PDB file of N, CA and C in Angstrom:
ATOM      1  N   MET A   1     402.777  28.296 188.396  1.00  0.00           N
ATOM      2  CA  MET A   1     401.431  28.377 187.892  1.00  0.00           C
ATOM      3  C   MET A   1     400.401  28.168 188.995  1.00  0.00           C
ATOM      4  N   ILE A   2     400.595  27.143 189.798  1.00  0.00           N
ATOM      5  CA  ILE A   2     399.646  26.875 190.875  1.00  0.00           C
ATOM      6  C   ILE A   2     399.631  28.045 191.854  1.00  0.00           C
ATOM      7  N   ARG A   3     400.788  28.619 192.095  1.00  0.00           N
ATOM      8  CA  ARG A   3     400.853  29.768 193.008  1.00  0.00           C
ATOM      9  C   ARG A   3     400.014  30.915 192.466  1.00  0.00           C
ATOM     10  N   ARG A   4     400.100  31.169 191.144  1.00  0.00           N
ATOM     11  CA  ARG A   4     399.296  32.236 190.545  1.00  0.00           C
ATOM     12  C   ARG A   4     397.810  31.935 190.690  1.00  0.00           C
ATOM     13  N   LEU A   5     397.451  30.676 190.577  1.00  0.00           N
ATOM     14  CA  LEU A   5     396.055  30.289 190.716  1.00  0.00           C
ATOM     15  C   LEU A   5     395.554  30.595 192.119  1.00  0.00           C
ATOM     16  N   PHE A   6     396.320  30.226 193.122  1.00  0.00           N
ATOM     17  CA  PHE A   6     395.896  30.495 194.488  1.00  0.00           C
ATOM     18  C   PHE A   6     395.858  31.993 194.782  1.00  0.00           C
ATOM     19  N   ILE A   7     396.774  32.751 194.207  1.00  0.00           N
ATOM     20  CA  ILE A   7     396.740  34.199 194.373  1.00  0.00           C
ATOM     21  C   ILE A   7     395.480  34.758 193.729  1.00  0.00           C
ATOM     22  N   ALA A   8     395.141  34.283 192.529  1.00  0.00           N
ATOM     23  CA  ALA A   8     393.931  34.738 191.848  1.00  0.00           C
ATOM     24  C   ALA A   8     392.694  34.418 192.680  1.00  0.00           C
ATOM     25  N   LEU A   9     392.642  33.221 193.243  1.00  0.00           N
ATOM     26  CA  LEU A   9     391.503  32.840 194.076  1.00  0.00           C
ATOM     27  C   LEU A   9     391.435  33.727 195.312  1.00  0.00           C
ATOM     28  N   ALA A  10     392.573  34.013 195.903  1.00  0.00           N
ATOM     29  CA  ALA A  10     392.619  34.852 197.087  1.00  0.00           C
ATOM     30  C   ALA A  10     392.150  36.278 196.781  1.00  0.00           C
ATOM     31  N   LEU A  11     392.394  36.734 195.570  1.00  0.00           N
ATOM     32  CA  LEU A  11     391.973  38.070 195.178  1.00  0.00           C
ATOM     33  C   LEU A  11     390.501  38.140 194.800  1.00  0.00           C
ATOM     34  N   GLY A  12     389.830  37.007 194.823  1.00  0.00           N
ATOM     35  CA  GLY A  12     388.400  37.024 194.592  1.00  0.00           C
ATOM     36  C   GLY A  12     387.950  36.565 193.233  1.00  0.00           C
ATOM     37  N   PHE A  13     388.836  36.032 192.406  1.00  0.00           N
ATOM     38  CA  PHE A  13     388.409  35.552 191.100  1.00  0.00           C
ATOM     39  C   PHE A  13     387.525  34.324 191.231  1.00  0.00           C
ATOM     40  N   GLY A  14     387.651  33.567 192.304  1.00  0.00           N
ATOM     41  CA  GLY A  14     386.872  32.346 192.462  1.00  0.00           C
ATOM     42  C   GLY A  14     385.676  32.534 193.368  1.00  0.00           C
ATOM     43  N   LEU A  15     385.913  32.774 194.632  1.00  0.00           N
ATOM     44  CA  LEU A  15     384.830  32.854 195.600  1.00  0.00           C
ATOM     45  C   LEU A  15     384.641  34.284 196.073  1.00  0.00           C
ATOM     46  N   ALA A  16     383.939  35.079 195.290  1.00  0.00           N
ATOM     47  CA  ALA A  16     383.666  36.460 195.653  1.00  0.00           C
ATOM     48  C   ALA A  16     382.689  36.477 196.822  1.00  0.00           C
ATOM     49  N   ALA A  17     382.905  37.376 197.756  1.00  0.00           N
ATOM     50  CA  ALA A  17     382.028  37.477 198.917  1.00  0.00           C
ATOM     51  C   ALA A  17     380.596  37.740 198.478  1.00  0.00           C
ATOM     52  N   GLY A  18     379.670  36.965 199.060  1.00  0.00           N
ATOM     53  CA  GLY A  18     378.262  37.167 198.793  1.00  0.00           C
ATOM     54  C   GLY A  18     377.754  36.479 197.540  1.00  0.00           C
ATOM     55  N   GLN A  19     378.619  36.151 196.595  1.00  0.00           N
ATOM     56  CA  GLN A  19     378.179  35.461 195.381  1.00  0.00           C
ATOM     57  C   GLN A  19     379.144  34.340 195.070  1.00  0.00           C
ATOM     58  N   ALA A  20     379.179  33.361 195.945  1.00  0.00           N
ATOM     59  CA  ALA A  20     380.100  32.242 195.766  1.00  0.00           C
ATOM     60  C   ALA A  20     379.875  31.574 194.426  1.00  0.00           C
ATOM     61  N   LEU A  21     380.813  31.762 193.537  1.00  0.00           N
ATOM     62  CA  LEU A  21     380.808  31.108 192.242  1.00  0.00           C
ATOM     63  C   LEU A  21     379.570  31.403 191.406  1.00  0.00           C
ATOM     64  N   ALA A  22     379.081  32.622 191.452  1.00  0.00           N
ATOM     65  CA  ALA A  22     378.001  33.077 190.585  1.00  0.00           C
ATOM     66  C   ALA A  22     376.750  32.205 190.677  1.00  0.00           C
ATOM     67  N   GLN A  23     376.336  31.902 191.873  1.00  0.00           N
ATOM     68  CA  GLN A  23     375.162  31.059 192.088  1.00  0.00           C
ATOM     69  C   GLN A  23     373.916  31.938 192.172  1.00  0.00           C
ATOM     70  N   PRO A  24     372.913  31.681 191.331  1.00  0.00           N
ATOM     71  CA  PRO A  24     371.647  32.403 191.469  1.00  0.00           C
ATOM     72  C   PRO A  24     371.029  32.108 192.836  1.00  0.00           C
ATOM     73  N   ASP A  25     370.382  33.099 193.447  1.00  0.00           N
ATOM     74  CA  ASP A  25     369.834  32.926 194.793  1.00  0.00           C
ATOM     75  C   ASP A  25     368.860  31.768 194.899  1.00  0.00           C
ATOM     76  N   SER A  26     367.959  31.603 193.932  1.00  0.00           N
ATOM     77  CA  SER A  26     366.969  30.526 194.028  1.00  0.00           C
ATOM     78  C   SER A  26     367.636  29.153 193.957  1.00  0.00           C
ATOM     79  N   ALA A  27     368.592  28.997 193.054  1.00  0.00           N
ATOM     80  CA  ALA A  27     369.302  27.716 192.945  1.00  0.00           C
ATOM     81  C   ALA A  27     370.119  27.459 194.202  1.00  0.00           C
ATOM     82  N   LYS A  28     370.736  28.497 194.734  1.00  0.00           N
ATOM     83  CA  LYS A  28     371.544  28.352 195.940  1.00  0.00           C
ATOM     84  C   LYS A  28     370.680  27.903 197.112  1.00  0.00           C
ATOM     85  N   THR A  29     369.505  28.476 197.248  1.00  0.00           N
ATOM     86  CA  THR A  29     368.601  28.101 198.334  1.00  0.00           C
ATOM     87  C   THR A  29     368.210  26.627 198.236  1.00  0.00           C
ATOM     88  N   ILE A  30     367.883  26.181 197.034  1.00  0.00           N
ATOM     89  CA  ILE A  30     367.497  24.781 196.817  1.00  0.00           C
ATOM     90  C   ILE A  30     368.666  23.852 197.131  1.00  0.00           C
ATOM     91  N   VAL A  31     369.855  24.203 196.638  1.00  0.00           N
ATOM     92  CA  VAL A  31     371.032  23.351 196.850  1.00  0.00           C
ATOM     93  C   VAL A  31     371.444  23.360 198.319  1.00  0.00           C
ATOM     94  N   ASP A  32     371.380  24.514 198.968  1.00  0.00           N
ATOM     95  CA  ASP A  32     371.725  24.546 200.397  1.00  0.00           C
ATOM     96  C   ASP A  32     370.826  23.619 201.207  1.00  0.00           C
ATOM     97  N   ALA A  33     369.540  23.590 200.876  1.00  0.00           N
ATOM     98  CA  ALA A  33     368.611  22.682 201.577  1.00  0.00           C
ATOM     99  C   ALA A  33     368.964  21.230 201.277  1.00  0.00           C
ATOM    100  N   ALA A  34     369.312  20.940 200.031  1.00  0.00           N
ATOM    101  CA  ALA A  34     369.686  19.568 199.656  1.00  0.00           C
ATOM    102  C   ALA A  34     370.999  19.160 200.330  1.00  0.00           C
ATOM    103  N   LYS A  35     371.921  20.093 200.483  1.00  0.00           N
ATOM    104  CA  LYS A  35     373.170  19.793 201.202  1.00  0.00           C
ATOM    105  C   LYS A  35     372.866  19.452 202.656  1.00  0.00           C
ATOM    106  N   ALA A  36     371.999  20.238 203.281  1.00  0.00           N
ATOM    107  CA  ALA A  36     371.653  20.005 204.690  1.00  0.00           C
ATOM    108  C   ALA A  36     370.982  18.648 204.887  1.00  0.00           C
ATOM    109  N   LYS A  37     370.275  18.160 203.857  1.00  0.00           N
ATOM    110  CA  LYS A  37     369.609  16.857 203.930  1.00  0.00           C
ATOM    111  C   LYS A  37     370.524  15.705 203.517  1.00  0.00           C
ATOM    112  N   GLY A  38     371.754  16.018 203.093  1.00  0.00           N
ATOM    113  CA  GLY A  38     372.688  14.968 202.701  1.00  0.00           C
ATOM    114  C   GLY A  38     372.454  14.432 201.300  1.00  0.00           C
ATOM    115  N   ILE A  39     371.761  15.184 200.465  1.00  0.00           N
ATOM    116  CA  ILE A  39     371.475  14.766 199.095  1.00  0.00           C
ATOM    117  C   ILE A  39     372.565  15.218 198.140  1.00  0.00           C
ATOM    118  N   VAL A  40     373.100  16.415 198.372  1.00  0.00           N
ATOM    119  CA  VAL A  40     374.099  17.042 197.507  1.00  0.00           C
ATOM    120  C   VAL A  40     375.329  17.371 198.342  1.00  0.00           C
ATOM    121  N   GLY A  41     376.499  17.296 197.705  1.00  0.00           N
ATOM    122  CA  GLY A  41     377.743  17.658 198.383  1.00  0.00           C
ATOM    123  C   GLY A  41     378.739  18.261 197.420  1.00  0.00           C
ATOM    124  N   GLU A  42     379.821  18.771 197.972  1.00  0.00           N
ATOM    125  CA  GLU A  42     380.905  19.364 197.186  1.00  0.00           C
ATOM    126  C   GLU A  42     381.878  18.270 196.774  1.00  0.00           C
ATOM    127  N   GLN A  43     382.381  18.357 195.552  1.00  0.00           N
ATOM    128  CA  GLN A  43     383.319  17.368 195.022  1.00  0.00           C
ATOM    129  C   GLN A  43     384.697  17.990 194.814  1.00  0.00           C
ATOM    130  N   GLY A  44     385.694  17.145 194.760  1.00  0.00           N
ATOM    131  CA  GLY A  44     387.081  17.572 194.596  1.00  0.00           C
ATOM    132  C   GLY A  44     387.392  18.256 193.285  1.00  0.00           C
ATOM    133  N   ASP A  45     386.479  18.156 192.316  1.00  0.00           N
ATOM    134  CA  ASP A  45     386.688  18.847 191.044  1.00  0.00           C
ATOM    135  C   ASP A  45     386.098  20.252 191.046  1.00  0.00           C
ATOM    136  N   GLY A  46     385.493  20.649 192.174  1.00  0.00           N
ATOM    137  CA  GLY A  46     384.921  21.982 192.293  1.00  0.00           C
ATOM    138  C   GLY A  46     383.457  22.068 191.891  1.00  0.00           C
ATOM    139  N   PHE A  47     382.866  20.933 191.589  1.00  0.00           N
ATOM    140  CA  PHE A  47     381.464  20.902 191.208  1.00  0.00           C
ATOM    141  C   PHE A  47     380.633  20.203 192.271  1.00  0.00           C
ATOM    142  N   LEU A  48     379.328  20.439 192.234  1.00  0.00           N
ATOM    143  CA  LEU A  48     378.406  19.759 193.120  1.00  0.00           C
ATOM    144  C   LEU A  48     378.127  18.365 192.581  1.00  0.00           C
ATOM    145  N   GLY A  49     377.846  17.439 193.479  1.00  0.00           N
ATOM    146  CA  GLY A  49     377.498  16.080 193.086  1.00  0.00           C
ATOM    147  C   GLY A  49     376.397  15.556 193.982  1.00  0.00           C
ATOM    148  N   PHE A  50     375.817  14.433 193.573  1.00  0.00           N
ATOM    149  CA  PHE A  50     374.725  13.818 194.323  1.00  0.00           C
ATOM    150  C   PHE A  50     375.264  12.712 195.223  1.00  0.00           C
ATOM    151  N   VAL A  51     375.156  12.916 196.507  1.00  0.00           N
ATOM    152  CA  VAL A  51     375.600  11.945 197.499  1.00  0.00           C
ATOM    153  C   VAL A  51     374.745  10.686 197.394  1.00  0.00           C
ATOM    154  N   THR A  52     373.475  10.877 197.150  1.00  0.00           N
ATOM    155  CA  THR A  52     372.508   9.781 197.131  1.00  0.00           C
ATOM    156  C   THR A  52     372.328   9.153 195.754  1.00  0.00           C
ATOM    157  N   GLY A  53     373.002   9.654 194.753  1.00  0.00           N
ATOM    158  CA  GLY A  53     372.895   9.108 193.408  1.00  0.00           C
ATOM    159  C   GLY A  53     371.967   9.887 192.508  1.00  0.00           C
ATOM    160  N   SER A  54     370.902  10.436 193.055  1.00  0.00           N
ATOM    161  CA  SER A  54     369.973  11.234 192.259  1.00  0.00           C
ATOM    162  C   SER A  54     369.128  12.095 193.197  1.00  0.00           C
ATOM    163  N   ALA A  55     368.330  12.956 192.587  1.00  0.00           N
ATOM    164  CA  ALA A  55     367.458  13.825 193.372  1.00  0.00           C
ATOM    165  C   ALA A  55     366.245  14.185 192.530  1.00  0.00           C
ATOM    166  N   ASP A  56     365.305  14.893 193.143  1.00  0.00           N
ATOM    167  CA  ASP A  56     364.117  15.288 192.380  1.00  0.00           C
ATOM    168  C   ASP A  56     364.524  16.324 191.321  1.00  0.00           C
ATOM    169  N   PRO A  57     363.678  16.526 190.332  1.00  0.00           N
ATOM    170  CA  PRO A  57     364.033  17.402 189.209  1.00  0.00           C
ATOM    171  C   PRO A  57     364.369  18.840 189.595  1.00  0.00           C
ATOM    172  N   THR A  58     363.756  19.358 190.639  1.00  0.00           N
ATOM    173  CA  THR A  58     364.049  20.728 191.071  1.00  0.00           C
ATOM    174  C   THR A  58     365.482  20.838 191.577  1.00  0.00           C
ATOM    175  N   VAL A  59     365.895  19.884 192.389  1.00  0.00           N
ATOM    176  CA  VAL A  59     367.263  19.876 192.919  1.00  0.00           C
ATOM    177  C   VAL A  59     368.257  19.638 191.784  1.00  0.00           C
ATOM    178  N   THR A  60     367.949  18.711 190.909  1.00  0.00           N
ATOM    179  CA  THR A  60     368.831  18.418 189.774  1.00  0.00           C
ATOM    180  C   THR A  60     369.021  19.663 188.906  1.00  0.00           C
ATOM    181  N   ALA A  61     367.946  20.379 188.633  1.00  0.00           N
ATOM    182  CA  ALA A  61     368.043  21.600 187.817  1.00  0.00           C
ATOM    183  C   ALA A  61     368.884  22.662 188.516  1.00  0.00           C
ATOM    184  N   ALA A  62     368.726  22.805 189.832  1.00  0.00           N
ATOM    185  CA  ALA A  62     369.513  23.795 190.584  1.00  0.00           C
ATOM    186  C   ALA A  62     370.994  23.426 190.574  1.00  0.00           C
ATOM    187  N   VAL A  63     371.297  22.140 190.772  1.00  0.00           N
ATOM    188  CA  VAL A  63     372.697  21.677 190.729  1.00  0.00           C
ATOM    189  C   VAL A  63     373.284  21.935 189.340  1.00  0.00           C
ATOM    190  N   ASP A  64     372.528  21.607 188.298  1.00  0.00           N
ATOM    191  CA  ASP A  64     373.001  21.837 186.928  1.00  0.00           C
ATOM    192  C   ASP A  64     373.274  23.311 186.673  1.00  0.00           C
ATOM    193  N   GLN A  65     372.390  24.175 187.162  1.00  0.00           N
ATOM    194  CA  GLN A  65     372.544  25.617 186.973  1.00  0.00           C
ATOM    195  C   GLN A  65     373.805  26.129 187.678  1.00  0.00           C
ATOM    196  N   ILE A  66     373.997  25.701 188.909  1.00  0.00           N
ATOM    197  CA  ILE A  66     375.180  26.140 189.662  1.00  0.00           C
ATOM    198  C   ILE A  66     376.452  25.578 189.035  1.00  0.00           C
ATOM    199  N   ASN A  67     376.429  24.308 188.665  1.00  0.00           N
ATOM    200  CA  ASN A  67     377.617  23.716 188.039  1.00  0.00           C
ATOM    201  C   ASN A  67     377.970  24.403 186.722  1.00  0.00           C
ATOM    202  N   ALA A  68     376.972  24.808 185.946  1.00  0.00           N
ATOM    203  CA  ALA A  68     377.238  25.537 184.695  1.00  0.00           C
ATOM    204  C   ALA A  68     377.897  26.878 184.996  1.00  0.00           C
ATOM    205  N   GLY A  69     377.417  27.557 186.030  1.00  0.00           N
ATOM    206  CA  GLY A  69     378.036  28.822 186.433  1.00  0.00           C
ATOM    207  C   GLY A  69     379.464  28.626 186.916  1.00  0.00           C
ATOM    208  N   ARG A  70     379.686  27.573 187.682  1.00  0.00           N
ATOM    209  CA  ARG A  70     381.032  27.277 188.166  1.00  0.00           C
ATOM    210  C   ARG A  70     381.979  26.973 187.004  1.00  0.00           C
ATOM    211  N   ALA A  71     381.487  26.239 186.010  1.00  0.00           N
ATOM    212  CA  ALA A  71     382.327  25.919 184.849  1.00  0.00           C
ATOM    213  C   ALA A  71     382.805  27.205 184.168  1.00  0.00           C
ATOM    214  N   GLN A  72     381.924  28.186 184.054  1.00  0.00           N
ATOM    215  CA  GLN A  72     382.307  29.464 183.446  1.00  0.00           C
ATOM    216  C   GLN A  72     383.321  30.207 184.304  1.00  0.00           C
ATOM    217  N   VAL A  73     383.132  30.174 185.621  1.00  0.00           N
ATOM    218  CA  VAL A  73     384.083  30.824 186.528  1.00  0.00           C
ATOM    219  C   VAL A  73     385.455  30.163 186.415  1.00  0.00           C
ATOM    220  N   TYR A  74     385.483  28.831 186.393  1.00  0.00           N
ATOM    221  CA  TYR A  74     386.763  28.113 186.297  1.00  0.00           C
ATOM    222  C   TYR A  74     387.449  28.401 184.971  1.00  0.00           C
ATOM    223  N   LYS A  75     386.673  28.523 183.915  1.00  0.00           N
ATOM    224  CA  LYS A  75     387.228  28.859 182.606  1.00  0.00           C
ATOM    225  C   LYS A  75     387.880  30.248 182.656  1.00  0.00           C
ATOM    226  N   GLY A  76     387.224  31.196 183.310  1.00  0.00           N
ATOM    227  CA  GLY A  76     387.781  32.545 183.453  1.00  0.00           C
ATOM    228  C   GLY A  76     389.040  32.559 184.306  1.00  0.00           C
ATOM    229  N   ILE A  77     389.018  31.828 185.403  1.00  0.00           N
ATOM    230  CA  ILE A  77     390.206  31.738 186.264  1.00  0.00           C
ATOM    231  C   ILE A  77     391.361  31.135 185.468  1.00  0.00           C
ATOM    232  N   ALA A  78     391.072  30.079 184.737  1.00  0.00           N
ATOM    233  CA  ALA A  78     392.105  29.408 183.944  1.00  0.00           C
ATOM    234  C   ALA A  78     392.704  30.362 182.914  1.00  0.00           C
ATOM    235  N   ALA A  79     391.872  31.129 182.256  1.00  0.00           N
ATOM    236  CA  ALA A  79     392.362  32.067 181.246  1.00  0.00           C
ATOM    237  C   ALA A  79     393.255  33.142 181.868  1.00  0.00           C
ATOM    238  N   ARG A  80     392.900  33.599 183.062  1.00  0.00           N
ATOM    239  CA  ARG A  80     393.690  34.654 183.721  1.00  0.00           C
ATOM    240  C   ARG A  80     394.977  34.139 184.345  1.00  0.00           C
ATOM    241  N   THR A  81     394.994  32.869 184.736  1.00  0.00           N
ATOM    242  CA  THR A  81     396.147  32.363 185.486  1.00  0.00           C
ATOM    243  C   THR A  81     397.034  31.409 184.706  1.00  0.00           C
ATOM    244  N   GLY A  82     396.574  30.963 183.546  1.00  0.00           N
ATOM    245  CA  GLY A  82     397.390  30.060 182.736  1.00  0.00           C
ATOM    246  C   GLY A  82     397.366  28.613 183.187  1.00  0.00           C
ATOM    247  N   VAL A  83     396.358  28.230 183.963  1.00  0.00           N
ATOM    248  CA  VAL A  83     396.207  26.825 184.363  1.00  0.00           C
ATOM    249  C   VAL A  83     395.006  26.253 183.634  1.00  0.00           C
ATOM    250  N   SER A  84     394.783  24.962 183.760  1.00  0.00           N
ATOM    251  CA  SER A  84     393.626  24.341 183.119  1.00  0.00           C
ATOM    252  C   SER A  84     392.350  24.655 183.902  1.00  0.00           C
ATOM    253  N   ASP A  85     391.217  24.510 183.223  1.00  0.00           N
ATOM    254  CA  ASP A  85     389.923  24.668 183.889  1.00  0.00           C
ATOM    255  C   ASP A  85     389.818  23.701 185.068  1.00  0.00           C
ATOM    256  N   ALA A  86     390.298  22.465 184.850  1.00  0.00           N
ATOM    257  CA  ALA A  86     390.235  21.447 185.898  1.00  0.00           C
ATOM    258  C   ALA A  86     391.053  21.855 187.123  1.00  0.00           C
ATOM    259  N   ALA A  87     392.238  22.409 186.895  1.00  0.00           N
ATOM    260  CA  ALA A  87     393.079  22.850 188.020  1.00  0.00           C
ATOM    261  C   ALA A  87     392.405  23.980 188.787  1.00  0.00           C
ATOM    262  N   ALA A  88     391.738  24.863 188.076  1.00  0.00           N
ATOM    263  CA  ALA A  88     391.015  25.953 188.735  1.00  0.00           C
ATOM    264  C   ALA A  88     389.892  25.400 189.601  1.00  0.00           C
ATOM    265  N   GLY A  89     389.165  24.414 189.090  1.00  0.00           N
ATOM    266  CA  GLY A  89     388.091  23.792 189.869  1.00  0.00           C
ATOM    267  C   GLY A  89     388.614  23.067 191.091  1.00  0.00           C
ATOM    268  N   GLU A  90     389.714  22.349 190.916  1.00  0.00           N
ATOM    269  CA  GLU A  90     390.291  21.593 192.031  1.00  0.00           C
ATOM    270  C   GLU A  90     390.807  22.535 193.123  1.00  0.00           C
ATOM    271  N   ALA A  91     391.410  23.643 192.722  1.00  0.00           N
ATOM    272  CA  ALA A  91     391.900  24.605 193.715  1.00  0.00           C
ATOM    273  C   ALA A  91     390.730  25.248 194.456  1.00  0.00           C
ATOM    274  N   THR A  92     389.657  25.519 193.745  1.00  0.00           N
ATOM    275  CA  THR A  92     388.475  26.085 194.386  1.00  0.00           C
ATOM    276  C   THR A  92     387.847  25.083 195.335  1.00  0.00           C
ATOM    277  N   ALA A  93     387.874  23.802 194.977  1.00  0.00           N
ATOM    278  CA  ALA A  93     387.312  22.758 195.839  1.00  0.00           C
ATOM    279  C   ALA A  93     387.964  22.769 197.218  1.00  0.00           C
ATOM    280  N   VAL A  94     389.250  23.055 197.262  1.00  0.00           N
ATOM    281  CA  VAL A  94     389.953  23.120 198.555  1.00  0.00           C
ATOM    282  C   VAL A  94     389.290  24.175 199.439  1.00  0.00           C
ATOM    283  N   GLN A  95     388.985  25.328 198.843  1.00  0.00           N
ATOM    284  CA  GLN A  95     388.308  26.383 199.604  1.00  0.00           C
ATOM    285  C   GLN A  95     386.893  25.968 199.992  1.00  0.00           C
ATOM    286  N   LEU A  96     386.184  25.342 199.055  1.00  0.00           N
ATOM    287  CA  LEU A  96     384.817  24.909 199.335  1.00  0.00           C
ATOM    288  C   LEU A  96     384.784  23.876 200.455  1.00  0.00           C
ATOM    289  N   PHE A  97     385.733  22.951 200.458  1.00  0.00           N
ATOM    290  CA  PHE A  97     385.793  21.941 201.520  1.00  0.00           C
ATOM    291  C   PHE A  97     385.996  22.605 202.875  1.00  0.00           C
ATOM    292  N   SER A  98     386.858  23.618 202.925  1.00  0.00           N
ATOM    293  CA  SER A  98     387.126  24.274 204.206  1.00  0.00           C
ATOM    294  C   SER A  98     385.905  25.032 204.711  1.00  0.00           C
ATOM    295  N   ARG A  99     385.015  25.402 203.803  1.00  0.00           N
ATOM    296  CA  ARG A  99     383.801  26.137 204.174  1.00  0.00           C
ATOM    297  C   ARG A  99     382.592  25.229 204.366  1.00  0.00           C
ATOM    298  N   THR A 100     382.748  23.953 204.127  1.00  0.00           N
ATOM    299  CA  THR A 100     381.631  23.018 204.278  1.00  0.00           C
ATOM    300  C   THR A 100     381.275  22.896 205.756  1.00  0.00           C
ATOM    301  N   PRO A 101     380.011  23.170 206.098  1.00  0.00           N
ATOM    302  CA  PRO A 101     379.612  23.081 207.503  1.00  0.00           C
ATOM    303  C   PRO A 101     379.600  21.639 208.006  1.00  0.00           C
ATOM    304  N   ALA A 102     379.721  21.496 209.304  1.00  0.00           N
ATOM    305  CA  ALA A 102     379.631  20.175 209.930  1.00  0.00           C
ATOM    306  C   ALA A 102     378.294  19.546 209.569  1.00  0.00           C
ATOM    307  N   GLY A 103     378.343  18.252 209.271  1.00  0.00           N
ATOM    308  CA  GLY A 103     377.139  17.510 208.929  1.00  0.00           C
ATOM    309  C   GLY A 103     376.880  17.392 207.446  1.00  0.00           C
ATOM    310  N   GLU A 104     377.553  18.227 206.622  1.00  0.00           N
ATOM    311  CA  GLU A 104     377.379  18.148 205.178  1.00  0.00           C
ATOM    312  C   GLU A 104     378.467  17.273 204.564  1.00  0.00           C
ATOM    313  N   TYR A 105     378.247  16.886 203.315  1.00  0.00           N
ATOM    314  CA  TYR A 105     379.137  15.940 202.642  1.00  0.00           C
ATOM    315  C   TYR A 105     380.068  16.605 201.635  1.00  0.00           C
ATOM    316  N   TYR A 106     381.248  15.995 201.500  1.00  0.00           N
ATOM    317  CA  TYR A 106     382.211  16.374 200.469  1.00  0.00           C
ATOM    318  C   TYR A 106     382.888  15.098 199.976  1.00  0.00           C
ATOM    319  N   ARG A 107     383.440  15.168 198.773  1.00  0.00           N
ATOM    320  CA  ARG A 107     384.112  13.999 198.200  1.00  0.00           C
ATOM    321  C   ARG A 107     385.407  14.449 197.524  1.00  0.00           C
ATOM    322  N   PRO A 108     386.552  14.137 198.138  1.00  0.00           N
ATOM    323  CA  PRO A 108     387.840  14.471 197.518  1.00  0.00           C
ATOM    324  C   PRO A 108     388.020  13.702 196.209  1.00  0.00           C
ATOM    325  N   LEU A 109     388.872  14.202 195.347  1.00  0.00           N
ATOM    326  CA  LEU A 109     389.181  13.493 194.106  1.00  0.00           C
ATOM    327  C   LEU A 109     389.622  12.075 194.424  1.00  0.00           C
ATOM    328  N   GLY A 110     389.024  11.106 193.767  1.00  0.00           N
ATOM    329  CA  GLY A 110     389.387   9.716 193.964  1.00  0.00           C
ATOM    330  C   GLY A 110     388.924   9.129 195.280  1.00  0.00           C
ATOM    331  N   GLY A 111     388.163   9.893 196.055  1.00  0.00           N
ATOM    332  CA  GLY A 111     387.738   9.407 197.358  1.00  0.00           C
ATOM    333  C   GLY A 111     386.243   9.142 197.430  1.00  0.00           C
ATOM    334  N   ALA A 112     385.805   8.843 198.613  1.00  0.00           N
ATOM    335  CA  ALA A 112     384.396   8.543 198.850  1.00  0.00           C
ATOM    336  C   ALA A 112     383.728   9.742 199.524  1.00  0.00           C
ATOM    337  N   TRP A 113     382.419   9.769 199.468  1.00  0.00           N
ATOM    338  CA  TRP A 113     381.668  10.820 200.175  1.00  0.00           C
ATOM    339  C   TRP A 113     381.968  10.713 201.663  1.00  0.00           C
ATOM    340  N   THR A 114     382.235  11.848 202.263  1.00  0.00           N
ATOM    341  CA  THR A 114     382.576  11.915 203.678  1.00  0.00           C
ATOM    342  C   THR A 114     381.725  12.995 204.326  1.00  0.00           C
ATOM    343  N   ARG A 115     381.175  12.671 205.475  1.00  0.00           N
ATOM    344  CA  ARG A 115     380.399  13.661 206.227  1.00  0.00           C
ATOM    345  C   ARG A 115     381.345  14.438 207.118  1.00  0.00           C
ATOM    346  N   LYS A 116     381.291  15.736 207.041  1.00  0.00           N
ATOM    347  CA  LYS A 116     382.198  16.585 207.826  1.00  0.00           C
ATOM    348  C   LYS A 116     381.704  16.704 209.251  1.00  0.00           C
TER     349      LYS A 116
END
């Protein structure tokens, strides 16, 4: 099952080129700026989280919008591959962590925020 999930992700079901996880451009721009400032980071469950605990309403709304889109993508991956939504998110997180630029934050499952 996990192998099928990784094959599905490799074929583009998760991180399609140019539209990583169905992120609207405006929300992506806001979140990218917040990531660069160390406010937002990638989590081991495949969702964005707040490194600092909270953020202004614009950043919070953008994170919520992207996370809602990611939840739908993970649900679709799960339906196609026969794994849980959570497993789809966790497998995608591995890819997101590898793409996290130096200086930005990520948090593995059960771990602490770490600056790359």
